[in-house]
Amino acid sequence: MDSNSRKSVAPQGMLSLWVVLFVVWMVANSTLAIEVAILGAILTLGLAYVFTSTSDAWRQIRWTPAGFYHFLAYSGTFFVELVKANIAMMRIVYAPRIDIQPGIVKIRTKLKSPIGRLALANTIALTPGSLVMDIRDETLFIHWLDVQTTDIDKATEALAGPFETHLEKVFG
């Protein structure tokens, strides 16, 4: 049997997904306790195995040095945009008069992979004031609490622009 015909026990992409899930687990639990780390390692390893063995989408993640850099840059960008969105929401909530224009806008993404589009949709949904309602191919329909523009290019830049470049380098 030659080395090319051997089948790996772990599905392709499992290790990288496990690392991401484990880091998220540790950050969410805000502790370095060994019990939490062991439980998180076991749970996230199981999740990573299930996700990668049942779907090809997770195998498209590119963990190159450039991809890793863009993942870190995306994380920083997301944090900054999250803070800005929360401040904007506080202004709306604490304003003496609510002056918003809610509506549904359409944006187009240049992301090609389903996992990249999912990451973008989740990123937009996690920032307060916007919620992705539907994804159809490269088009996302978003409920925006305070619509700044209905122009598809300007709305795309406002909602997806900060994230797309980095997500494209990681997910394609």
N, C-alpha and C. Protein backbone atom coordinates (compact mmCIF):
# COMPACT_ATOMS: atom_id res chain seq x y z
N MET A 1 0.84 -1.17 0.00
CA MET A 1 0.00 0.00 0.00
C MET A 1 0.90 1.24 0.00
N ASP A 2 0.73 2.14 -0.99
CA ASP A 2 1.57 3.33 -1.02
C ASP A 2 0.98 4.42 -0.12
N SER A 3 1.79 5.44 0.16
CA SER A 3 1.39 6.46 1.13
C SER A 3 0.22 7.31 0.63
N ASN A 4 0.01 7.39 -0.68
CA ASN A 4 -1.08 8.20 -1.22
C ASN A 4 -2.43 7.52 -1.07
N SER A 5 -2.45 6.21 -0.90
CA SER A 5 -3.73 5.50 -0.84
C SER A 5 -4.20 5.28 0.60
N ARG A 6 -3.39 5.66 1.60
CA ARG A 6 -3.82 5.51 2.99
C ARG A 6 -4.88 6.54 3.32
N LYS A 7 -5.87 6.10 4.07
CA LYS A 7 -6.92 7.02 4.47
C LYS A 7 -6.67 7.48 5.90
N SER A 8 -6.76 8.76 6.12
CA SER A 8 -6.55 9.33 7.45
C SER A 8 -7.76 9.05 8.33
N VAL A 9 -7.52 8.87 9.61
CA VAL A 9 -8.59 8.67 10.57
C VAL A 9 -9.38 9.96 10.76
N ALA A 10 -8.68 11.08 10.79
CA ALA A 10 -9.32 12.38 10.96
C ALA A 10 -9.66 12.98 9.60
N PRO A 11 -10.90 13.47 9.45
CA PRO A 11 -11.27 14.12 8.18
C PRO A 11 -10.41 15.37 7.94
N GLN A 12 -10.23 15.70 6.67
CA GLN A 12 -9.45 16.89 6.31
C GLN A 12 -10.09 18.14 6.91
N GLY A 13 -9.28 19.00 7.47
CA GLY A 13 -9.77 20.24 8.05
C GLY A 13 -10.16 20.11 9.52
N MET A 14 -10.13 18.90 10.07
CA MET A 14 -10.57 18.69 11.44
C MET A 14 -9.66 19.40 12.45
N LEU A 15 -8.36 19.29 12.26
CA LEU A 15 -7.42 19.88 13.21
C LEU A 15 -7.59 21.39 13.28
N SER A 16 -7.68 22.04 12.12
CA SER A 16 -7.82 23.51 12.14
C SER A 16 -9.15 23.93 12.75
N LEU A 17 -10.22 23.21 12.44
CA LEU A 17 -11.52 23.55 13.04
C LEU A 17 -11.48 23.31 14.54
N TRP A 18 -10.83 22.22 14.97
CA TRP A 18 -10.74 21.94 16.40
C TRP A 18 -10.00 23.06 17.13
N VAL A 19 -8.92 23.55 16.55
CA VAL A 19 -8.16 24.63 17.19
C VAL A 19 -9.03 25.88 17.33
N VAL A 20 -9.75 26.24 16.28
CA VAL A 20 -10.62 27.42 16.33
C VAL A 20 -11.70 27.23 17.39
N LEU A 21 -12.36 26.08 17.39
CA LEU A 21 -13.42 25.83 18.37
C LEU A 21 -12.87 25.82 19.80
N PHE A 22 -11.70 25.24 19.98
CA PHE A 22 -11.11 25.19 21.31
C PHE A 22 -10.75 26.59 21.82
N VAL A 23 -10.19 27.42 20.94
CA VAL A 23 -9.86 28.80 21.33
C VAL A 23 -11.13 29.55 21.71
N VAL A 24 -12.18 29.40 20.91
CA VAL A 24 -13.46 30.05 21.22
C VAL A 24 -13.98 29.55 22.57
N TRP A 25 -13.89 28.25 22.83
CA TRP A 25 -14.31 27.67 24.10
C TRP A 25 -13.56 28.31 25.28
N MET A 26 -12.25 28.40 25.15
CA MET A 26 -11.45 28.94 26.24
C MET A 26 -11.75 30.43 26.47
N VAL A 27 -11.91 31.18 25.40
CA VAL A 27 -12.23 32.60 25.53
C VAL A 27 -13.62 32.77 26.16
N ALA A 28 -14.58 31.97 25.71
CA ALA A 28 -15.95 32.07 26.23
C ALA A 28 -16.01 31.71 27.72
N ASN A 29 -15.16 30.79 28.16
CA ASN A 29 -15.16 30.40 29.56
C ASN A 29 -14.28 31.29 30.43
N SER A 30 -13.44 32.11 29.85
CA SER A 30 -12.58 33.07 30.55
C SER A 30 -11.80 32.47 31.72
N THR A 31 -11.27 31.30 31.52
CA THR A 31 -10.46 30.68 32.57
C THR A 31 -9.43 29.76 31.93
N LEU A 32 -8.36 29.55 32.65
CA LEU A 32 -7.35 28.61 32.20
C LEU A 32 -7.34 27.36 33.09
N ALA A 33 -8.42 27.14 33.81
CA ALA A 33 -8.53 25.97 34.69
C ALA A 33 -8.39 24.69 33.86
N ILE A 34 -7.62 23.75 34.38
CA ILE A 34 -7.32 22.52 33.65
C ILE A 34 -8.59 21.71 33.37
N GLU A 35 -9.53 21.69 34.31
CA GLU A 35 -10.77 20.94 34.11
C GLU A 35 -11.57 21.50 32.94
N VAL A 36 -11.65 22.82 32.86
CA VAL A 36 -12.37 23.48 31.77
C VAL A 36 -11.66 23.21 30.44
N ALA A 37 -10.33 23.27 30.45
CA ALA A 37 -9.55 23.03 29.23
C ALA A 37 -9.73 21.59 28.74
N ILE A 38 -9.70 20.63 29.65
CA ILE A 38 -9.87 19.22 29.25
C ILE A 38 -11.27 18.98 28.71
N LEU A 39 -12.28 19.47 29.41
CA LEU A 39 -13.66 19.32 28.93
C LEU A 39 -13.83 19.99 27.57
N GLY A 40 -13.28 21.20 27.44
CA GLY A 40 -13.37 21.91 26.17
C GLY A 40 -12.66 21.18 25.05
N ALA A 41 -11.49 20.62 25.34
CA ALA A 41 -10.74 19.87 24.32
C ALA A 41 -11.55 18.67 23.83
N ILE A 42 -12.17 17.96 24.75
CA ILE A 42 -12.96 16.78 24.38
C ILE A 42 -14.20 17.18 23.58
N LEU A 43 -14.95 18.16 24.09
CA LEU A 43 -16.18 18.59 23.40
C LEU A 43 -15.89 19.17 22.02
N THR A 44 -14.90 20.04 21.94
CA THR A 44 -14.61 20.68 20.66
C THR A 44 -14.00 19.69 19.66
N LEU A 45 -13.26 18.72 20.15
CA LEU A 45 -12.73 17.68 19.26
C LEU A 45 -13.88 16.87 18.66
N GLY A 46 -14.86 16.53 19.50
CA GLY A 46 -16.04 15.82 19.00
C GLY A 46 -16.82 16.64 17.98
N LEU A 47 -17.02 17.91 18.28
CA LEU A 47 -17.73 18.79 17.34
C LEU A 47 -16.97 18.92 16.03
N ALA A 48 -15.66 19.11 16.13
CA ALA A 48 -14.84 19.24 14.92
C ALA A 48 -14.94 17.98 14.07
N TYR A 49 -14.92 16.82 14.71
CA TYR A 49 -15.03 15.56 13.96
C TYR A 49 -16.38 15.46 13.26
N VAL A 50 -17.44 15.76 13.98
CA VAL A 50 -18.79 15.68 13.38
C VAL A 50 -18.92 16.65 12.22
N PHE A 51 -18.50 17.90 12.41
CA PHE A 51 -18.63 18.89 11.35
C PHE A 51 -17.81 18.53 10.11
N THR A 52 -16.58 18.10 10.29
CA THR A 52 -15.73 17.83 9.13
C THR A 52 -16.05 16.51 8.46
N SER A 53 -16.63 15.58 9.18
CA SER A 53 -16.96 14.30 8.56
C SER A 53 -18.30 14.33 7.83
N THR A 54 -19.14 15.34 8.13
CA THR A 54 -20.45 15.40 7.50
C THR A 54 -20.57 16.48 6.43
N SER A 55 -19.55 17.34 6.29
CA SER A 55 -19.65 18.43 5.33
C SER A 55 -18.29 18.73 4.71
N ASP A 56 -18.30 19.01 3.42
CA ASP A 56 -17.07 19.39 2.72
C ASP A 56 -16.73 20.86 2.92
N ALA A 57 -17.68 21.65 3.40
CA ALA A 57 -17.46 23.09 3.54
C ALA A 57 -16.29 23.42 4.45
N TRP A 58 -16.09 22.65 5.50
CA TRP A 58 -15.02 22.93 6.47
C TRP A 58 -13.64 22.63 5.92
N ARG A 59 -13.58 21.90 4.84
CA ARG A 59 -12.28 21.53 4.26
C ARG A 59 -11.70 22.64 3.41
N GLN A 60 -12.43 23.71 3.20
CA GLN A 60 -11.98 24.79 2.33
C GLN A 60 -11.21 25.88 3.07
N ILE A 61 -11.07 25.75 4.37
CA ILE A 61 -10.34 26.76 5.12
C ILE A 61 -8.86 26.66 4.79
N ARG A 62 -8.24 27.79 4.47
CA ARG A 62 -6.82 27.83 4.11
C ARG A 62 -6.01 28.34 5.29
N TRP A 63 -5.32 27.44 5.97
CA TRP A 63 -4.50 27.85 7.10
C TRP A 63 -3.05 28.00 6.68
N THR A 64 -2.80 28.98 5.87
CA THR A 64 -1.45 29.36 5.48
C THR A 64 -1.02 30.49 6.43
N PRO A 65 0.24 30.85 6.43
CA PRO A 65 0.63 32.01 7.27
C PRO A 65 -0.18 33.26 6.91
N ALA A 66 -0.41 33.50 5.63
CA ALA A 66 -1.21 34.66 5.23
C ALA A 66 -2.66 34.50 5.68
N GLY A 67 -3.19 33.28 5.56
CA GLY A 67 -4.56 33.02 6.01
C GLY A 67 -4.70 33.24 7.51
N PHE A 68 -3.69 32.79 8.27
CA PHE A 68 -3.71 32.98 9.72
C PHE A 68 -3.63 34.46 10.07
N TYR A 69 -2.78 35.19 9.36
CA TYR A 69 -2.68 36.63 9.58
C TYR A 69 -4.04 37.30 9.33
N HIS A 70 -4.69 36.93 8.22
CA HIS A 70 -5.98 37.54 7.90
C HIS A 70 -7.07 37.13 8.88
N PHE A 71 -6.96 35.93 9.45
CA PHE A 71 -7.92 35.53 10.49
C PHE A 71 -7.75 36.43 11.72
N LEU A 72 -6.50 36.68 12.10
CA LEU A 72 -6.25 37.57 13.24
C LEU A 72 -6.70 39.00 12.92
N ALA A 73 -6.43 39.46 11.70
CA ALA A 73 -6.85 40.80 11.28
C ALA A 73 -8.38 40.90 11.26
N TYR A 74 -9.04 39.85 10.78
CA TYR A 74 -10.50 39.80 10.79
C TYR A 74 -11.01 39.89 12.23
N SER A 75 -10.39 39.15 13.14
CA SER A 75 -10.82 39.15 14.54
C SER A 75 -10.69 40.55 15.14
N GLY A 76 -9.59 41.23 14.86
CA GLY A 76 -9.42 42.59 15.33
C GLY A 76 -10.43 43.55 14.73
N THR A 77 -10.66 43.41 13.43
CA THR A 77 -11.63 44.24 12.74
C THR A 77 -13.03 44.01 13.31
N PHE A 78 -13.36 42.75 13.54
CA PHE A 78 -14.67 42.42 14.11
C PHE A 78 -14.83 43.07 15.48
N PHE A 79 -13.79 43.00 16.30
CA PHE A 79 -13.87 43.60 17.63
C PHE A 79 -14.12 45.11 17.53
N VAL A 80 -13.40 45.79 16.67
CA VAL A 80 -13.56 47.24 16.50
C VAL A 80 -14.98 47.56 16.00
N GLU A 81 -15.44 46.82 14.99
CA GLU A 81 -16.78 47.07 14.45
C GLU A 81 -17.87 46.74 15.48
N LEU A 82 -17.64 45.74 16.32
CA LEU A 82 -18.58 45.38 17.37
C LEU A 82 -18.71 46.52 18.38
N VAL A 83 -17.59 47.10 18.77
CA VAL A 83 -17.61 48.23 19.71
C VAL A 83 -18.34 49.41 19.08
N LYS A 84 -18.02 49.72 17.81
CA LYS A 84 -18.68 50.84 17.13
C LYS A 84 -20.19 50.62 17.03
N ALA A 85 -20.61 49.39 16.70
CA ALA A 85 -22.04 49.09 16.58
C ALA A 85 -22.74 49.19 17.94
N ASN A 86 -22.06 48.78 19.00
CA ASN A 86 -22.66 48.88 20.33
C ASN A 86 -22.81 50.34 20.76
N ILE A 87 -21.84 51.16 20.43
CA ILE A 87 -21.94 52.58 20.74
C ILE A 87 -23.09 53.21 19.96
N ALA A 88 -23.23 52.85 18.70
CA ALA A 88 -24.34 53.36 17.88
C ALA A 88 -25.68 52.93 18.46
N MET A 89 -25.75 51.69 18.95
CA MET A 89 -27.00 51.21 19.56
C MET A 89 -27.29 51.97 20.86
N MET A 90 -26.26 52.26 21.64
CA MET A 90 -26.47 53.02 22.87
C MET A 90 -27.00 54.42 22.55
N ARG A 91 -26.49 55.02 21.49
CA ARG A 91 -27.00 56.35 21.08
C ARG A 91 -28.48 56.28 20.74
N ILE A 92 -28.87 55.22 20.06
CA ILE A 92 -30.29 55.06 19.68
C ILE A 92 -31.14 54.83 20.92
N VAL A 93 -30.71 53.94 21.78
CA VAL A 93 -31.49 53.57 22.96
C VAL A 93 -31.64 54.73 23.93
N TYR A 94 -30.56 55.48 24.14
CA TYR A 94 -30.60 56.56 25.13
C TYR A 94 -30.98 57.92 24.54
N ALA A 95 -31.26 57.98 23.27
CA ALA A 95 -31.66 59.25 22.66
C ALA A 95 -33.06 59.63 23.16
N PRO A 96 -33.29 60.92 23.37
CA PRO A 96 -34.62 61.34 23.84
C PRO A 96 -35.71 61.05 22.80
N ARG A 97 -35.33 61.05 21.54
CA ARG A 97 -36.29 60.75 20.47
C ARG A 97 -35.64 59.73 19.54
N ILE A 98 -36.33 58.64 19.30
CA ILE A 98 -35.78 57.61 18.42
C ILE A 98 -35.96 58.04 16.97
N ASP A 99 -34.84 58.23 16.30
CA ASP A 99 -34.86 58.68 14.92
C ASP A 99 -34.11 57.65 14.06
N ILE A 100 -34.79 56.57 13.74
CA ILE A 100 -34.17 55.51 12.93
C ILE A 100 -35.03 55.23 11.71
N GLN A 101 -34.42 54.61 10.73
CA GLN A 101 -35.11 54.22 9.51
C GLN A 101 -34.84 52.73 9.27
N PRO A 102 -35.58 51.86 9.93
CA PRO A 102 -35.35 50.43 9.73
C PRO A 102 -35.78 49.99 8.34
N GLY A 103 -35.11 48.98 7.84
CA GLY A 103 -35.47 48.47 6.52
C GLY A 103 -34.61 47.28 6.14
N ILE A 104 -34.95 46.72 4.99
CA ILE A 104 -34.21 45.57 4.48
C ILE A 104 -33.39 46.04 3.28
N VAL A 105 -32.11 45.74 3.33
CA VAL A 105 -31.21 46.10 2.22
C VAL A 105 -30.61 44.83 1.63
N LYS A 106 -30.16 44.99 0.41
CA LYS A 106 -29.53 43.87 -0.30
C LYS A 106 -28.07 44.23 -0.52
N ILE A 107 -27.18 43.26 -0.21
CA ILE A 107 -25.76 43.45 -0.48
C ILE A 107 -25.26 42.27 -1.30
N ARG A 108 -24.14 42.47 -1.98
CA ARG A 108 -23.50 41.40 -2.75
C ARG A 108 -22.13 41.13 -2.16
N THR A 109 -21.82 39.87 -1.99
CA THR A 109 -20.51 39.51 -1.47
C THR A 109 -19.66 38.94 -2.59
N LYS A 110 -18.36 39.13 -2.45
CA LYS A 110 -17.45 38.52 -3.42
C LYS A 110 -16.92 37.18 -2.92
N LEU A 111 -17.35 36.75 -1.74
CA LEU A 111 -16.93 35.47 -1.19
C LEU A 111 -17.56 34.33 -1.99
N LYS A 112 -16.75 33.34 -2.32
CA LYS A 112 -17.22 32.23 -3.16
C LYS A 112 -17.60 30.99 -2.37
N SER A 113 -16.93 30.74 -1.26
CA SER A 113 -17.19 29.50 -0.52
C SER A 113 -18.40 29.65 0.39
N PRO A 114 -19.15 28.57 0.57
CA PRO A 114 -20.31 28.62 1.47
C PRO A 114 -19.91 28.96 2.91
N ILE A 115 -18.77 28.45 3.37
CA ILE A 115 -18.34 28.72 4.73
C ILE A 115 -17.91 30.18 4.89
N GLY A 116 -17.34 30.75 3.85
CA GLY A 116 -17.00 32.17 3.88
C GLY A 116 -18.24 33.05 3.95
N ARG A 117 -19.24 32.69 3.18
CA ARG A 117 -20.51 33.44 3.21
C ARG A 117 -21.20 33.28 4.56
N LEU A 118 -21.13 32.09 5.12
CA LEU A 118 -21.70 31.86 6.45
C LEU A 118 -20.97 32.70 7.50
N ALA A 119 -19.64 32.74 7.42
CA ALA A 119 -18.87 33.55 8.36
C ALA A 119 -19.24 35.03 8.23
N LEU A 120 -19.41 35.51 7.01
CA LEU A 120 -19.80 36.90 6.80
C LEU A 120 -21.19 37.16 7.37
N ALA A 121 -22.13 36.27 7.09
CA ALA A 121 -23.50 36.43 7.58
C ALA A 121 -23.53 36.44 9.11
N ASN A 122 -22.78 35.55 9.73
CA ASN A 122 -22.74 35.51 11.19
C ASN A 122 -22.07 36.76 11.76
N THR A 123 -21.05 37.24 11.09
CA THR A 123 -20.37 38.45 11.54
C THR A 123 -21.31 39.64 11.51
N ILE A 124 -22.04 39.78 10.42
CA ILE A 124 -23.00 40.88 10.29
C ILE A 124 -24.10 40.74 11.33
N ALA A 125 -24.59 39.52 11.54
CA ALA A 125 -25.66 39.30 12.51
C ALA A 125 -25.20 39.54 13.95
N LEU A 126 -23.92 39.34 14.23
CA LEU A 126 -23.42 39.54 15.59
C LEU A 126 -23.18 41.00 15.94
N THR A 127 -23.11 41.86 14.94
CA THR A 127 -22.96 43.28 15.23
C THR A 127 -24.36 43.87 15.42
N PRO A 128 -24.59 44.53 16.55
CA PRO A 128 -25.93 45.05 16.84
C PRO A 128 -26.43 46.00 15.76
N GLY A 129 -27.71 45.89 15.46
CA GLY A 129 -28.34 46.77 14.48
C GLY A 129 -28.52 46.15 13.12
N SER A 130 -28.05 44.92 12.93
CA SER A 130 -28.22 44.27 11.62
C SER A 130 -28.46 42.77 11.83
N LEU A 131 -29.24 42.21 10.93
CA LEU A 131 -29.56 40.79 11.00
C LEU A 131 -29.71 40.25 9.59
N VAL A 132 -28.97 39.21 9.26
CA VAL A 132 -29.07 38.60 7.94
C VAL A 132 -30.32 37.74 7.90
N MET A 133 -31.19 38.03 6.94
CA MET A 133 -32.46 37.31 6.83
C MET A 133 -32.40 36.17 5.83
N ASP A 134 -31.60 36.33 4.78
CA ASP A 134 -31.55 35.31 3.74
C ASP A 134 -30.24 35.45 2.95
N ILE A 135 -29.76 34.32 2.46
CA ILE A 135 -28.59 34.30 1.59
C ILE A 135 -28.99 33.55 0.32
N ARG A 136 -28.82 34.21 -0.81
CA ARG A 136 -29.09 33.57 -2.11
C ARG A 136 -27.86 33.81 -2.99
N ASP A 137 -27.10 32.75 -3.19
CA ASP A 137 -25.85 32.84 -3.94
C ASP A 137 -24.98 33.94 -3.34
N GLU A 138 -24.64 34.98 -4.13
CA GLU A 138 -23.77 36.03 -3.61
C GLU A 138 -24.55 37.20 -3.00
N THR A 139 -25.86 37.07 -2.88
CA THR A 139 -26.69 38.14 -2.36
C THR A 139 -27.15 37.84 -0.94
N LEU A 140 -26.99 38.82 -0.06
CA LEU A 140 -27.47 38.71 1.31
C LEU A 140 -28.55 39.76 1.52
N PHE A 141 -29.64 39.38 2.16
CA PHE A 141 -30.71 40.29 2.51
C PHE A 141 -30.61 40.56 4.00
N ILE A 142 -30.47 41.83 4.35
CA ILE A 142 -30.17 42.19 5.72
C ILE A 142 -31.18 43.19 6.25
N HIS A 143 -31.71 42.89 7.46
CA HIS A 143 -32.53 43.89 8.14
C HIS A 143 -31.57 44.80 8.88
N TRP A 144 -31.64 46.08 8.53
CA TRP A 144 -30.73 47.08 9.09
C TRP A 144 -31.56 48.03 9.93
N LEU A 145 -31.22 48.16 11.18
CA LEU A 145 -32.01 48.97 12.10
C LEU A 145 -32.09 50.43 11.67
N ASP A 146 -31.00 50.96 11.15
CA ASP A 146 -30.98 52.35 10.69
C ASP A 146 -30.34 52.39 9.31
N VAL A 147 -31.15 52.25 8.29
CA VAL A 147 -30.67 52.17 6.92
C VAL A 147 -29.97 53.47 6.53
N GLN A 148 -28.70 53.35 6.18
CA GLN A 148 -27.90 54.50 5.76
C GLN A 148 -28.05 54.76 4.26
N THR A 149 -28.21 53.67 3.50
CA THR A 149 -28.34 53.76 2.05
C THR A 149 -29.02 52.50 1.52
N THR A 150 -29.71 52.64 0.41
CA THR A 150 -30.29 51.46 -0.23
C THR A 150 -29.50 51.08 -1.48
N ASP A 151 -28.50 51.86 -1.83
CA ASP A 151 -27.62 51.54 -2.94
C ASP A 151 -26.85 50.27 -2.60
N ILE A 152 -26.92 49.26 -3.46
CA ILE A 152 -26.34 47.96 -3.16
C ILE A 152 -24.83 48.03 -2.92
N ASP A 153 -24.11 48.83 -3.69
CA ASP A 153 -22.66 48.93 -3.51
C ASP A 153 -22.29 49.65 -2.21
N LYS A 154 -23.00 50.72 -1.91
CA LYS A 154 -22.71 51.46 -0.67
C LYS A 154 -23.12 50.65 0.56
N ALA A 155 -24.24 49.94 0.48
CA ALA A 155 -24.68 49.09 1.59
C ALA A 155 -23.70 47.94 1.80
N THR A 156 -23.20 47.38 0.69
CA THR A 156 -22.20 46.31 0.79
C THR A 156 -20.95 46.81 1.48
N GLU A 157 -20.50 48.00 1.10
CA GLU A 157 -19.30 48.57 1.72
C GLU A 157 -19.53 48.85 3.21
N ALA A 158 -20.69 49.35 3.55
CA ALA A 158 -20.97 49.70 4.94
C ALA A 158 -21.10 48.46 5.83
N LEU A 159 -21.77 47.42 5.34
CA LEU A 159 -22.05 46.26 6.17
C LEU A 159 -21.00 45.14 6.07
N ALA A 160 -20.49 44.91 4.87
CA ALA A 160 -19.57 43.78 4.67
C ALA A 160 -18.14 44.22 4.42
N GLY A 161 -17.96 45.44 4.01
CA GLY A 161 -16.64 45.94 3.62
C GLY A 161 -15.52 45.69 4.60
N PRO A 162 -15.74 45.99 5.88
CA PRO A 162 -14.63 45.80 6.82
C PRO A 162 -14.18 44.34 6.97
N PHE A 163 -15.06 43.40 6.67
CA PHE A 163 -14.77 41.99 6.93
C PHE A 163 -14.39 41.18 5.70
N GLU A 164 -14.93 41.54 4.55
CA GLU A 164 -14.82 40.71 3.35
C GLU A 164 -13.39 40.42 2.91
N THR A 165 -12.54 41.41 2.91
CA THR A 165 -11.16 41.21 2.45
C THR A 165 -10.46 40.13 3.25
N HIS A 166 -10.60 40.20 4.57
CA HIS A 166 -9.95 39.22 5.43
C HIS A 166 -10.60 37.84 5.29
N LEU A 167 -11.93 37.80 5.25
CA LEU A 167 -12.62 36.50 5.12
C LEU A 167 -12.31 35.84 3.79
N GLU A 168 -12.13 36.64 2.75
CA GLU A 168 -11.79 36.08 1.44
C GLU A 168 -10.44 35.38 1.46
N LYS A 169 -9.48 35.94 2.19
CA LYS A 169 -8.15 35.34 2.29
C LYS A 169 -8.16 34.05 3.11
N VAL A 170 -9.09 33.95 4.06
CA VAL A 170 -9.17 32.75 4.90
C VAL A 170 -10.04 31.68 4.27
N PHE A 171 -11.23 32.06 3.79
CA PHE A 171 -12.21 31.07 3.31
C PHE A 171 -12.35 31.00 1.80
N GLY A 172 -11.92 32.00 1.09
CA GLY A 172 -12.05 31.99 -0.36
C GLY A 172 -13.32 32.61 -0.86
